[in-house]
Amino acid sequence: MSTLALIVLVLTGLAFVLVPGALAYLAYRHPAARTPIGIGIAAVTAMAAVVVPIALR
């Protein structure tokens, strides 16, 4: 595996952890919006819907 591919893989994995976590935290701080776990799951689903077709190409 090349270094560039490894860096992209690590950064993508980091984004898959940080983005849903940040959105869940925002939902936790503003409870009228939605449930935090639902926001986190929706974020992971949306990110996977974008990344998986690109990765399978």
C-alpha atoms as a PDB file:
ATOM      1  CA  MET A   1       0.000   0.000   0.000  1.00  0.00           C
ATOM      2  CA  SER A   2       1.413   3.367  -0.947  1.00  0.00           C
ATOM      3  CA  THR A   3       1.940   6.113   1.580  1.00  0.00           C
ATOM      4  CA  LEU A   4      -0.657   8.335  -0.077  1.00  0.00           C
ATOM      5  CA  ALA A   5      -3.302   5.612   0.073  1.00  0.00           C
ATOM      6  CA  LEU A   6      -2.505   4.987   3.732  1.00  0.00           C
ATOM      7  CA  ILE A   7      -2.799   8.680   4.593  1.00  0.00           C
ATOM      8  CA  VAL A   8      -6.128   8.948   2.767  1.00  0.00           C
ATOM      9  CA  LEU A   9      -7.399   5.850   4.588  1.00  0.00           C
ATOM     10  CA  VAL A  10      -6.372   7.206   7.991  1.00  0.00           C
ATOM     11  CA  LEU A  11      -7.903  10.634   7.340  1.00  0.00           C
ATOM     12  CA  THR A  12     -11.135   9.085   6.089  1.00  0.00           C
ATOM     13  CA  GLY A  13     -11.331   6.926   9.201  1.00  0.00           C
ATOM     14  CA  LEU A  14     -10.680   9.951  11.364  1.00  0.00           C
ATOM     15  CA  ALA A  15     -13.442  11.872   9.610  1.00  0.00           C
ATOM     16  CA  PHE A  16     -15.840   8.936  10.149  1.00  0.00           C
ATOM     17  CA  VAL A  17     -15.228   9.254  13.886  1.00  0.00           C
ATOM     18  CA  LEU A  18     -14.996  13.018  14.368  1.00  0.00           C
ATOM     19  CA  VAL A  19     -17.854  14.310  12.192  1.00  0.00           C
ATOM     20  CA  PRO A  20     -20.638  12.146  13.699  1.00  0.00           C
ATOM     21  CA  GLY A  21     -19.194  12.769  17.162  1.00  0.00           C
ATOM     22  CA  ALA A  22     -19.265  16.518  16.664  1.00  0.00           C
ATOM     23  CA  LEU A  23     -22.806  16.431  15.307  1.00  0.00           C
ATOM     24  CA  ALA A  24     -23.972  14.211  18.174  1.00  0.00           C
ATOM     25  CA  TYR A  25     -22.381  16.628  20.646  1.00  0.00           C
ATOM     26  CA  LEU A  26     -24.187  19.556  19.039  1.00  0.00           C
ATOM     27  CA  ALA A  27     -27.467  17.656  19.211  1.00  0.00           C
ATOM     28  CA  TYR A  28     -26.723  16.863  22.869  1.00  0.00           C
ATOM     29  CA  ARG A  29     -26.167  20.547  23.621  1.00  0.00           C
ATOM     30  CA  HIS A  30     -29.436  21.501  21.866  1.00  0.00           C
ATOM     31  CA  PRO A  31     -31.885  18.756  22.856  1.00  0.00           C
ATOM     32  CA  ALA A  32     -34.842  20.308  21.054  1.00  0.00           C
ATOM     33  CA  ALA A  33     -33.217  19.495  17.704  1.00  0.00           C
ATOM     34  CA  ARG A  34     -33.066  15.681  17.711  1.00  0.00           C
ATOM     35  CA  THR A  35     -31.666  12.745  19.622  1.00  0.00           C
ATOM     36  CA  PRO A  36     -27.857  12.693  19.534  1.00  0.00           C
ATOM     37  CA  ILE A  37     -27.592   9.033  18.557  1.00  0.00           C
ATOM     38  CA  GLY A  38     -29.939   9.567  15.613  1.00  0.00           C
ATOM     39  CA  ILE A  39     -27.864  12.487  14.364  1.00  0.00           C
ATOM     40  CA  GLY A  40     -24.662  10.448  14.684  1.00  0.00           C
ATOM     41  CA  ILE A  41     -26.120   7.481  12.809  1.00  0.00           C
ATOM     42  CA  ALA A  42     -27.483   9.757  10.088  1.00  0.00           C
ATOM     43  CA  ALA A  43     -24.054  11.366   9.672  1.00  0.00           C
ATOM     44  CA  VAL A  44     -22.304   8.002   9.331  1.00  0.00           C
ATOM     45  CA  THR A  45     -24.932   6.848   6.837  1.00  0.00           C
ATOM     46  CA  ALA A  46     -24.582   9.988   4.729  1.00  0.00           C
ATOM     47  CA  MET A  47     -20.791   9.798   4.759  1.00  0.00           C
ATOM     48  CA  ALA A  48     -20.869   6.115   3.817  1.00  0.00           C
ATOM     49  CA  ALA A  49     -23.263   6.859   0.959  1.00  0.00           C
ATOM     50  CA  VAL A  50     -20.660   9.231  -0.470  1.00  0.00           C
ATOM     51  CA  VAL A  51     -17.443   7.311   0.275  1.00  0.00           C
ATOM     52  CA  VAL A  52     -18.434   3.726  -0.607  1.00  0.00           C
ATOM     53  CA  PRO A  53     -19.290   4.340  -4.290  1.00  0.00           C
ATOM     54  CA  ILE A  54     -16.024   6.258  -4.687  1.00  0.00           C
ATOM     55  CA  ALA A  55     -14.041   3.476  -3.019  1.00  0.00           C
ATOM     56  CA  LEU A  56     -15.650   0.766  -5.161  1.00  0.00           C
ATOM     57  CA  ARG A  57     -14.809   2.584  -8.382  1.00  0.00           C
END
